[in-house]
């Protein structure tokens, strides 16, 4: 009898373990991350796999979504997209956060305030990817009362990232 009970417990445990689906990280059509236990295609999204930089560098097309900006133009477009969506979290996702600090909360509030305003333009002349990129000036607000916010730009792990506004 104890063997039969042990066998029954093992069968139930094996069935429960087998029934669990892995959690997948996907990217939807708006560029937002989606976590699901279903295939990404079933939630109208694509697999979020680390970008294949050799493919992108060779100029070949790829179905792998790019999760970071490799060029200054891509970084600018990601900023435009964040402002268009009025999404402070999306803008915060472009920042290379080096640990937390008391100023982080203030930085997040600044991003929230910025994305509630219209994006007017970028106030720097360095639009090409060959120019050294050290900072990016973002003009927001109304044309007569524009506000300028400075972001640093750093390259890390093959991507261009903003530093917190300053």
N, C-alpha and C. Protein backbone atom coordinates (compact mmCIF):
# COMPACT_ATOMS: atom_id res chain seq x y z
N UNK A 1 0.81 -1.20 0.00
CA UNK A 1 0.00 0.00 0.00
C UNK A 1 0.85 1.27 0.00
N UNK A 2 1.93 1.35 0.83
CA UNK A 2 2.75 2.56 0.80
C UNK A 2 3.39 2.81 -0.57
N UNK A 3 3.73 1.71 -1.27
CA UNK A 3 4.32 1.88 -2.60
C UNK A 3 3.31 2.46 -3.58
N UNK A 4 2.10 2.03 -3.50
CA UNK A 4 1.05 2.53 -4.37
C UNK A 4 0.79 4.02 -4.10
N UNK A 5 0.78 4.42 -2.84
CA UNK A 5 0.58 5.83 -2.49
C UNK A 5 1.76 6.67 -2.99
N UNK A 6 2.97 6.16 -2.84
CA UNK A 6 4.15 6.87 -3.32
C UNK A 6 4.12 7.02 -4.84
N UNK A 7 3.73 5.96 -5.53
CA UNK A 7 3.62 6.01 -6.99
C UNK A 7 2.56 7.03 -7.42
N UNK A 8 1.45 7.09 -6.73
CA UNK A 8 0.39 8.05 -7.04
C UNK A 8 0.87 9.48 -6.83
N UNK A 9 1.59 9.74 -5.76
CA UNK A 9 2.12 11.08 -5.48
C UNK A 9 3.13 11.48 -6.56
N UNK A 10 3.99 10.57 -6.96
CA UNK A 10 4.98 10.87 -8.01
C UNK A 10 4.31 11.16 -9.35
N UNK A 11 3.26 10.42 -9.68
CA UNK A 11 2.54 10.67 -10.93
C UNK A 11 1.88 12.04 -10.93
N UNK A 12 1.27 12.43 -9.82
CA UNK A 12 0.63 13.74 -9.72
C UNK A 12 1.68 14.85 -9.82
N UNK A 13 2.81 14.68 -9.14
CA UNK A 13 3.87 15.69 -9.19
C UNK A 13 4.44 15.81 -10.60
N UNK A 14 4.62 14.70 -11.28
CA UNK A 14 5.16 14.74 -12.64
C UNK A 14 4.18 15.43 -13.59
N UNK A 15 2.89 15.18 -13.42
CA UNK A 15 1.88 15.82 -14.27
C UNK A 15 1.85 17.33 -14.03
N UNK A 16 1.93 17.77 -12.79
CA UNK A 16 1.91 19.20 -12.49
C UNK A 16 3.15 19.90 -13.05
N UNK A 17 4.28 19.25 -12.95
CA UNK A 17 5.52 19.83 -13.46
C UNK A 17 5.47 19.92 -14.98
N UNK A 18 4.95 18.88 -15.62
CA UNK A 18 4.89 18.85 -17.08
C UNK A 18 3.90 19.89 -17.62
N UNK A 19 2.86 20.22 -16.86
CA UNK A 19 1.82 21.14 -17.32
C UNK A 19 2.26 22.60 -17.33
N UNK A 20 3.31 22.94 -16.62
CA UNK A 20 3.76 24.33 -16.56
C UNK A 20 4.42 24.74 -17.87
N UNK A 21 3.97 25.87 -18.41
CA UNK A 21 4.58 26.41 -19.62
C UNK A 21 5.64 27.42 -19.23
N UNK A 22 6.69 27.53 -20.03
CA UNK A 22 7.70 28.54 -19.72
C UNK A 22 7.14 29.94 -19.98
N UNK A 23 7.65 30.91 -19.26
CA UNK A 23 7.25 32.29 -19.47
C UNK A 23 8.10 32.84 -20.62
N UNK A 24 7.43 33.43 -21.59
CA UNK A 24 8.11 34.00 -22.75
C UNK A 24 8.08 35.52 -22.67
N UNK A 25 9.16 36.13 -23.11
CA UNK A 25 9.22 37.59 -23.21
C UNK A 25 9.03 37.95 -24.67
N UNK A 26 7.99 38.75 -24.95
CA UNK A 26 7.64 39.12 -26.31
C UNK A 26 7.60 40.64 -26.43
N UNK A 27 7.58 41.12 -27.66
CA UNK A 27 7.44 42.55 -27.94
C UNK A 27 6.23 42.71 -28.85
N UNK A 28 5.27 43.57 -28.43
CA UNK A 28 4.07 43.78 -29.24
C UNK A 28 4.33 44.79 -30.35
N UNK A 29 3.31 45.09 -31.14
CA UNK A 29 3.46 45.99 -32.29
C UNK A 29 3.83 47.40 -31.89
N UNK A 30 3.55 47.78 -30.64
CA UNK A 30 3.89 49.12 -30.15
C UNK A 30 5.26 49.17 -29.48
N UNK A 31 5.98 48.05 -29.49
CA UNK A 31 7.31 48.02 -28.89
C UNK A 31 7.31 47.74 -27.40
N UNK A 32 6.16 47.42 -26.84
CA UNK A 32 6.07 47.15 -25.40
C UNK A 32 6.35 45.67 -25.13
N UNK A 33 6.99 45.41 -24.00
CA UNK A 33 7.28 44.04 -23.62
C UNK A 33 6.01 43.37 -23.08
N UNK A 34 5.82 42.13 -23.46
CA UNK A 34 4.69 41.33 -23.00
C UNK A 34 5.26 40.02 -22.47
N UNK A 35 4.85 39.64 -21.27
CA UNK A 35 5.27 38.37 -20.69
C UNK A 35 4.06 37.44 -20.71
N UNK A 36 4.25 36.24 -21.25
CA UNK A 36 3.14 35.31 -21.41
C UNK A 36 3.63 33.88 -21.32
N UNK A 37 2.69 32.98 -21.01
CA UNK A 37 3.03 31.56 -21.03
C UNK A 37 2.58 30.91 -22.34
N UNK A 38 2.06 31.73 -23.26
CA UNK A 38 1.63 31.28 -24.57
C UNK A 38 2.70 31.65 -25.60
N UNK A 39 2.65 31.06 -26.78
CA UNK A 39 3.56 31.49 -27.84
C UNK A 39 3.31 32.97 -28.16
N UNK A 40 4.37 33.70 -28.47
CA UNK A 40 4.25 35.14 -28.72
C UNK A 40 3.25 35.45 -29.82
N UNK A 41 3.21 34.62 -30.85
CA UNK A 41 2.29 34.85 -31.97
C UNK A 41 0.83 34.84 -31.51
N UNK A 42 0.51 34.10 -30.46
CA UNK A 42 -0.87 34.04 -29.99
C UNK A 42 -1.33 35.32 -29.32
N UNK A 43 -0.39 36.20 -28.96
CA UNK A 43 -0.74 37.51 -28.38
C UNK A 43 -0.32 38.63 -29.33
N UNK A 44 -0.23 38.32 -30.62
CA UNK A 44 0.14 39.28 -31.66
C UNK A 44 1.43 40.01 -31.33
N UNK A 45 2.46 39.24 -30.99
CA UNK A 45 3.76 39.80 -30.64
C UNK A 45 4.85 38.91 -31.24
N UNK A 46 6.10 39.37 -31.14
CA UNK A 46 7.24 38.59 -31.62
C UNK A 46 8.16 38.30 -30.44
N UNK A 47 8.95 37.25 -30.59
CA UNK A 47 9.89 36.90 -29.53
C UNK A 47 10.87 38.03 -29.30
N UNK A 48 11.11 38.34 -28.03
CA UNK A 48 12.08 39.38 -27.67
C UNK A 48 13.41 38.70 -27.41
N UNK A 49 14.20 38.61 -28.43
CA UNK A 49 15.51 37.98 -28.35
C UNK A 49 16.54 39.09 -28.45
N UNK A 50 17.65 38.93 -27.78
CA UNK A 50 18.70 39.94 -27.86
C UNK A 50 19.03 40.23 -29.31
N UNK A 51 19.24 41.52 -29.65
CA UNK A 51 19.49 41.87 -31.05
C UNK A 51 20.73 41.19 -31.60
N UNK A 52 20.63 40.77 -32.84
CA UNK A 52 21.75 40.13 -33.52
C UNK A 52 22.58 41.21 -34.19
N UNK A 53 23.54 41.74 -33.47
CA UNK A 53 24.31 42.87 -33.99
C UNK A 53 25.09 42.53 -35.26
N UNK A 54 25.65 41.32 -35.45
CA UNK A 54 26.36 41.07 -36.71
C UNK A 54 25.43 41.18 -37.92
N UNK A 55 24.18 40.72 -37.78
CA UNK A 55 23.23 40.80 -38.88
C UNK A 55 22.91 42.26 -39.17
N UNK A 56 22.64 43.03 -38.12
CA UNK A 56 22.31 44.45 -38.30
C UNK A 56 23.51 45.21 -38.87
N UNK A 57 24.70 44.89 -38.40
CA UNK A 57 25.89 45.59 -38.88
C UNK A 57 26.15 45.29 -40.35
N UNK A 58 25.78 44.10 -40.79
CA UNK A 58 25.99 43.74 -42.18
C UNK A 58 24.93 44.32 -43.10
N UNK A 59 23.90 44.96 -42.52
CA UNK A 59 22.84 45.55 -43.31
C UNK A 59 21.83 44.55 -43.81
N UNK A 60 21.83 43.36 -43.23
CA UNK A 60 20.88 42.33 -43.64
C UNK A 60 19.59 42.50 -42.86
N UNK A 61 18.50 42.12 -43.49
CA UNK A 61 17.22 42.23 -42.78
C UNK A 61 17.12 41.10 -41.77
N UNK A 62 16.42 41.38 -40.70
CA UNK A 62 16.26 40.40 -39.65
C UNK A 62 14.88 40.58 -39.04
N UNK A 63 14.28 39.48 -38.60
CA UNK A 63 12.99 39.58 -37.93
C UNK A 63 13.17 39.73 -36.42
N UNK A 64 14.40 39.78 -35.96
CA UNK A 64 14.67 39.93 -34.54
C UNK A 64 14.43 41.39 -34.16
N UNK A 65 13.55 41.66 -33.20
CA UNK A 65 13.30 43.05 -32.82
C UNK A 65 14.53 43.66 -32.14
N UNK A 66 14.80 44.90 -32.44
CA UNK A 66 15.92 45.60 -31.83
C UNK A 66 15.43 46.20 -30.52
N UNK A 67 16.09 45.85 -29.43
CA UNK A 67 15.66 46.30 -28.11
C UNK A 67 16.48 47.47 -27.60
N UNK A 68 17.45 47.93 -28.38
CA UNK A 68 18.23 49.09 -28.00
C UNK A 68 18.69 49.81 -29.26
N UNK A 69 19.05 51.06 -29.11
CA UNK A 69 19.47 51.86 -30.25
C UNK A 69 20.94 51.62 -30.56
N UNK A 70 21.23 51.23 -31.77
CA UNK A 70 22.61 51.01 -32.18
C UNK A 70 23.19 52.27 -32.81
N UNK A 71 22.31 53.15 -33.30
CA UNK A 71 22.76 54.39 -33.95
C UNK A 71 22.07 55.58 -33.30
N UNK A 72 22.64 56.73 -33.55
CA UNK A 72 22.05 57.97 -33.03
C UNK A 72 20.65 58.19 -33.62
N UNK A 73 20.47 57.85 -34.89
CA UNK A 73 19.16 57.99 -35.54
C UNK A 73 18.13 57.09 -34.86
N UNK A 74 18.51 55.87 -34.51
CA UNK A 74 17.58 54.97 -33.82
C UNK A 74 17.25 55.50 -32.43
N UNK A 75 18.22 56.08 -31.75
CA UNK A 75 17.99 56.65 -30.43
C UNK A 75 17.01 57.82 -30.52
N UNK A 76 17.22 58.69 -31.50
CA UNK A 76 16.31 59.82 -31.71
C UNK A 76 14.89 59.32 -31.99
N UNK A 77 14.77 58.30 -32.86
CA UNK A 77 13.45 57.77 -33.20
C UNK A 77 12.77 57.17 -31.98
N UNK A 78 13.53 56.50 -31.13
CA UNK A 78 12.96 55.92 -29.91
C UNK A 78 12.45 57.03 -28.98
N UNK A 79 13.16 58.16 -28.95
CA UNK A 79 12.72 59.30 -28.14
C UNK A 79 11.43 59.87 -28.73
N UNK A 80 11.40 60.02 -30.05
CA UNK A 80 10.19 60.52 -30.71
C UNK A 80 9.01 59.60 -30.40
N UNK A 81 9.22 58.28 -30.47
CA UNK A 81 8.16 57.32 -30.19
C UNK A 81 7.66 57.43 -28.75
N UNK A 82 8.58 57.62 -27.81
CA UNK A 82 8.19 57.76 -26.40
C UNK A 82 7.34 59.01 -26.20
N UNK A 83 7.72 60.10 -26.84
CA UNK A 83 6.93 61.33 -26.73
C UNK A 83 5.58 61.18 -27.42
N UNK A 84 5.55 60.52 -28.56
CA UNK A 84 4.29 60.32 -29.28
C UNK A 84 3.30 59.51 -28.45
N UNK A 85 3.82 58.55 -27.71
CA UNK A 85 2.98 57.73 -26.84
C UNK A 85 2.74 58.37 -25.48
N UNK A 86 3.43 59.51 -25.22
CA UNK A 86 3.38 60.17 -23.91
C UNK A 86 3.69 59.17 -22.80
N UNK A 87 4.74 58.42 -23.02
CA UNK A 87 5.10 57.30 -22.15
C UNK A 87 6.45 57.53 -21.48
N UNK A 88 6.40 57.99 -20.22
CA UNK A 88 7.63 58.26 -19.47
C UNK A 88 8.43 56.97 -19.23
N UNK A 89 7.76 55.84 -19.07
CA UNK A 89 8.46 54.58 -18.86
C UNK A 89 9.24 54.18 -20.11
N UNK A 90 8.68 54.45 -21.25
CA UNK A 90 9.36 54.14 -22.51
C UNK A 90 10.62 55.01 -22.64
N UNK A 91 10.51 56.29 -22.27
CA UNK A 91 11.67 57.16 -22.30
C UNK A 91 12.70 56.71 -21.26
N UNK A 92 12.24 56.31 -20.09
CA UNK A 92 13.13 55.82 -19.04
C UNK A 92 13.87 54.55 -19.47
N UNK A 93 13.25 53.78 -20.36
CA UNK A 93 13.88 52.57 -20.87
C UNK A 93 15.06 52.84 -21.80
N UNK A 94 15.21 54.09 -22.22
CA UNK A 94 16.33 54.47 -23.07
C UNK A 94 17.52 54.96 -22.26
N UNK A 95 17.34 55.02 -20.94
CA UNK A 95 18.37 55.56 -20.06
C UNK A 95 19.17 54.42 -19.44
N UNK A 96 20.47 54.61 -19.39
CA UNK A 96 21.36 53.67 -18.71
C UNK A 96 21.42 54.11 -17.25
N UNK A 97 20.67 53.43 -16.41
CA UNK A 97 20.59 53.79 -14.99
C UNK A 97 21.73 53.07 -14.28
N UNK A 98 22.61 53.81 -13.68
CA UNK A 98 23.74 53.24 -12.94
C UNK A 98 23.42 53.21 -11.46
N UNK A 99 22.60 52.26 -11.09
CA UNK A 99 22.22 52.14 -9.69
C UNK A 99 21.20 53.18 -9.31
N UNK A 100 20.60 53.00 -8.18
CA UNK A 100 19.59 53.94 -7.71
C UNK A 100 20.20 54.99 -6.80
N UNK A 101 19.52 56.09 -6.73
CA UNK A 101 19.94 57.15 -5.82
C UNK A 101 18.71 57.97 -5.47
N UNK A 102 18.88 58.89 -4.56
CA UNK A 102 17.77 59.74 -4.17
C UNK A 102 17.30 60.57 -5.36
N UNK A 103 18.18 60.88 -6.28
CA UNK A 103 17.83 61.68 -7.44
C UNK A 103 17.04 60.93 -8.50
N UNK A 104 16.98 59.60 -8.40
CA UNK A 104 16.28 58.80 -9.40
C UNK A 104 14.80 59.13 -9.42
N UNK A 105 14.19 59.29 -8.28
CA UNK A 105 12.76 59.62 -8.22
C UNK A 105 12.53 60.97 -8.89
N UNK A 106 13.40 61.93 -8.65
CA UNK A 106 13.27 63.24 -9.29
C UNK A 106 13.45 63.11 -10.80
N UNK A 107 14.39 62.25 -11.24
CA UNK A 107 14.59 62.03 -12.68
C UNK A 107 13.34 61.44 -13.32
N UNK A 108 12.71 60.49 -12.67
CA UNK A 108 11.49 59.87 -13.20
C UNK A 108 10.37 60.92 -13.28
N UNK A 109 10.27 61.76 -12.28
CA UNK A 109 9.26 62.84 -12.31
C UNK A 109 9.54 63.80 -13.46
N UNK A 110 10.80 64.10 -13.71
CA UNK A 110 11.17 64.97 -14.82
C UNK A 110 10.76 64.33 -16.14
N UNK A 111 11.02 63.03 -16.30
CA UNK A 111 10.64 62.33 -17.53
C UNK A 111 9.13 62.35 -17.71
N UNK A 112 8.39 62.16 -16.63
CA UNK A 112 6.94 62.19 -16.70
C UNK A 112 6.45 63.57 -17.15
N UNK A 113 7.03 64.61 -16.59
CA UNK A 113 6.68 65.97 -16.97
C UNK A 113 7.04 66.25 -18.43
N UNK A 114 8.20 65.78 -18.86
CA UNK A 114 8.64 66.00 -20.24
C UNK A 114 7.70 65.35 -21.25
N UNK A 115 7.34 64.10 -21.02
CA UNK A 115 6.53 63.37 -22.00
C UNK A 115 5.09 63.87 -22.06
N UNK A 116 4.69 64.70 -21.13
CA UNK A 116 3.35 65.30 -21.19
C UNK A 116 3.33 66.54 -22.08
N UNK A 117 4.51 66.98 -22.49
CA UNK A 117 4.63 68.15 -23.36
C UNK A 117 4.93 67.68 -24.79
N UNK A 118 4.59 68.50 -25.77
CA UNK A 118 4.96 68.12 -27.14
C UNK A 118 6.48 68.21 -27.35
N UNK A 119 7.00 67.28 -28.11
CA UNK A 119 8.42 67.31 -28.50
C UNK A 119 8.54 68.23 -29.69
N UNK A 120 9.34 69.28 -29.57
CA UNK A 120 9.51 70.25 -30.66
C UNK A 120 10.62 69.82 -31.61
N UNK A 121 11.81 69.59 -31.05
CA UNK A 121 12.94 69.19 -31.89
C UNK A 121 14.11 68.80 -31.00
N UNK A 122 15.18 68.41 -31.68
CA UNK A 122 16.43 68.11 -31.01
C UNK A 122 17.33 69.31 -31.25
N UNK A 123 17.89 69.87 -30.20
CA UNK A 123 18.66 71.10 -30.32
C UNK A 123 20.12 70.92 -30.62
N UNK A 124 20.52 69.78 -31.17
CA UNK A 124 21.93 69.58 -31.49
C UNK A 124 22.11 69.45 -32.99
N UNK A 125 23.28 69.75 -33.43
CA UNK A 125 23.56 69.69 -34.86
C UNK A 125 24.11 68.32 -35.27
N UNK A 126 24.38 67.46 -34.32
CA UNK A 126 24.99 66.16 -34.63
C UNK A 126 23.92 65.13 -34.94
N UNK A 127 23.44 65.13 -36.16
CA UNK A 127 22.41 64.18 -36.55
C UNK A 127 23.01 62.90 -37.11
N UNK A 128 24.23 62.98 -37.59
CA UNK A 128 24.83 61.79 -38.21
C UNK A 128 25.46 60.89 -37.15
N UNK A 129 25.58 59.63 -37.51
CA UNK A 129 26.10 58.64 -36.57
C UNK A 129 27.61 58.65 -36.47
N UNK A 130 28.28 59.33 -37.37
CA UNK A 130 29.73 59.36 -37.35
C UNK A 130 30.27 60.40 -36.38
N UNK A 131 29.47 61.43 -36.11
CA UNK A 131 29.92 62.50 -35.21
C UNK A 131 30.00 61.96 -33.78
N UNK A 132 30.98 62.43 -33.01
CA UNK A 132 31.05 61.98 -31.63
C UNK A 132 29.79 62.41 -30.88
N UNK A 133 29.21 61.49 -30.18
CA UNK A 133 27.96 61.76 -29.48
C UNK A 133 28.23 61.86 -27.99
N UNK A 134 28.11 63.05 -27.44
CA UNK A 134 28.31 63.20 -26.01
C UNK A 134 27.06 63.66 -25.31
N UNK A 135 26.20 64.42 -26.02
CA UNK A 135 24.95 64.83 -25.40
C UNK A 135 23.88 65.04 -26.46
N UNK A 136 22.67 65.17 -25.97
CA UNK A 136 21.51 65.38 -26.83
C UNK A 136 20.61 66.39 -26.13
N UNK A 137 20.25 67.43 -26.82
CA UNK A 137 19.35 68.43 -26.27
C UNK A 137 17.97 68.21 -26.85
N UNK A 138 16.97 68.15 -25.98
CA UNK A 138 15.60 67.91 -26.38
C UNK A 138 14.80 69.16 -26.05
N UNK A 139 14.10 69.70 -27.05
CA UNK A 139 13.25 70.88 -26.85
C UNK A 139 11.80 70.43 -26.77
N UNK A 140 11.13 70.81 -25.68
CA UNK A 140 9.73 70.46 -25.48
C UNK A 140 8.93 71.71 -25.16
N UNK A 141 7.62 71.58 -25.14
CA UNK A 141 6.74 72.69 -24.78
C UNK A 141 6.14 73.33 -26.00
N UNK A 142 5.84 74.60 -25.88
CA UNK A 142 5.27 75.37 -26.97
C UNK A 142 6.38 76.17 -27.64
N UNK A 143 6.21 76.48 -28.90
CA UNK A 143 7.25 77.16 -29.67
C UNK A 143 7.72 78.45 -29.00
N UNK A 144 6.82 79.20 -28.41
CA UNK A 144 7.20 80.46 -27.78
C UNK A 144 7.84 80.29 -26.42
N UNK A 145 7.61 79.16 -25.78
CA UNK A 145 8.14 78.93 -24.43
C UNK A 145 8.76 77.54 -24.33
N UNK A 146 9.70 77.28 -25.22
CA UNK A 146 10.32 75.96 -25.26
C UNK A 146 11.22 75.74 -24.05
N UNK A 147 11.27 74.50 -23.63
CA UNK A 147 12.13 74.08 -22.52
C UNK A 147 13.19 73.17 -23.10
N UNK A 148 14.44 73.33 -22.67
CA UNK A 148 15.52 72.50 -23.16
C UNK A 148 15.99 71.56 -22.04
N UNK A 149 16.07 70.29 -22.37
CA UNK A 149 16.56 69.29 -21.42
C UNK A 149 17.77 68.60 -22.04
N UNK A 150 18.84 68.47 -21.26
CA UNK A 150 20.07 67.83 -21.74
C UNK A 150 20.12 66.39 -21.25
N UNK A 151 20.43 65.50 -22.16
CA UNK A 151 20.71 64.10 -21.85
C UNK A 151 22.11 63.81 -22.34
N UNK A 152 22.88 63.08 -21.55
CA UNK A 152 24.16 62.59 -22.04
C UNK A 152 23.90 61.36 -22.88
N UNK A 153 24.82 61.02 -23.77
CA UNK A 153 24.73 59.80 -24.56
C UNK A 153 25.99 58.99 -24.31
N UNK A 154 25.80 57.73 -23.97
CA UNK A 154 26.93 56.83 -23.74
C UNK A 154 26.72 55.55 -24.56
N UNK A 155 27.82 54.94 -24.95
CA UNK A 155 27.75 53.65 -25.63
C UNK A 155 28.08 52.58 -24.60
N UNK A 156 27.21 51.58 -24.52
CA UNK A 156 27.42 50.49 -23.57
C UNK A 156 26.84 49.22 -24.17
N UNK A 157 27.61 48.17 -24.21
CA UNK A 157 27.20 46.86 -24.70
C UNK A 157 26.65 46.94 -26.13
N UNK A 158 27.27 47.77 -26.95
CA UNK A 158 26.87 47.87 -28.34
C UNK A 158 25.65 48.74 -28.60
N UNK A 159 25.15 49.41 -27.58
CA UNK A 159 23.96 50.25 -27.72
C UNK A 159 24.27 51.68 -27.30
N UNK A 160 23.49 52.61 -27.82
CA UNK A 160 23.55 53.99 -27.36
C UNK A 160 22.46 54.19 -26.32
N UNK A 161 22.85 54.78 -25.20
CA UNK A 161 21.93 55.01 -24.10
C UNK A 161 21.98 56.48 -23.70
N UNK A 162 20.87 56.96 -23.18
CA UNK A 162 20.85 58.29 -22.58
C UNK A 162 21.30 58.16 -21.14
N UNK A 163 21.85 59.26 -20.60
CA UNK A 163 22.07 59.32 -19.17
C UNK A 163 20.92 60.15 -18.60
N UNK A 164 20.66 60.06 -17.30
CA UNK A 164 19.53 60.80 -16.74
C UNK A 164 19.63 62.29 -17.08
N UNK A 165 18.47 62.95 -17.21
CA UNK A 165 18.47 64.36 -17.61
C UNK A 165 19.22 65.22 -16.62
N UNK A 166 19.83 66.24 -17.14
CA UNK A 166 20.58 67.14 -16.26
C UNK A 166 20.69 68.52 -16.81
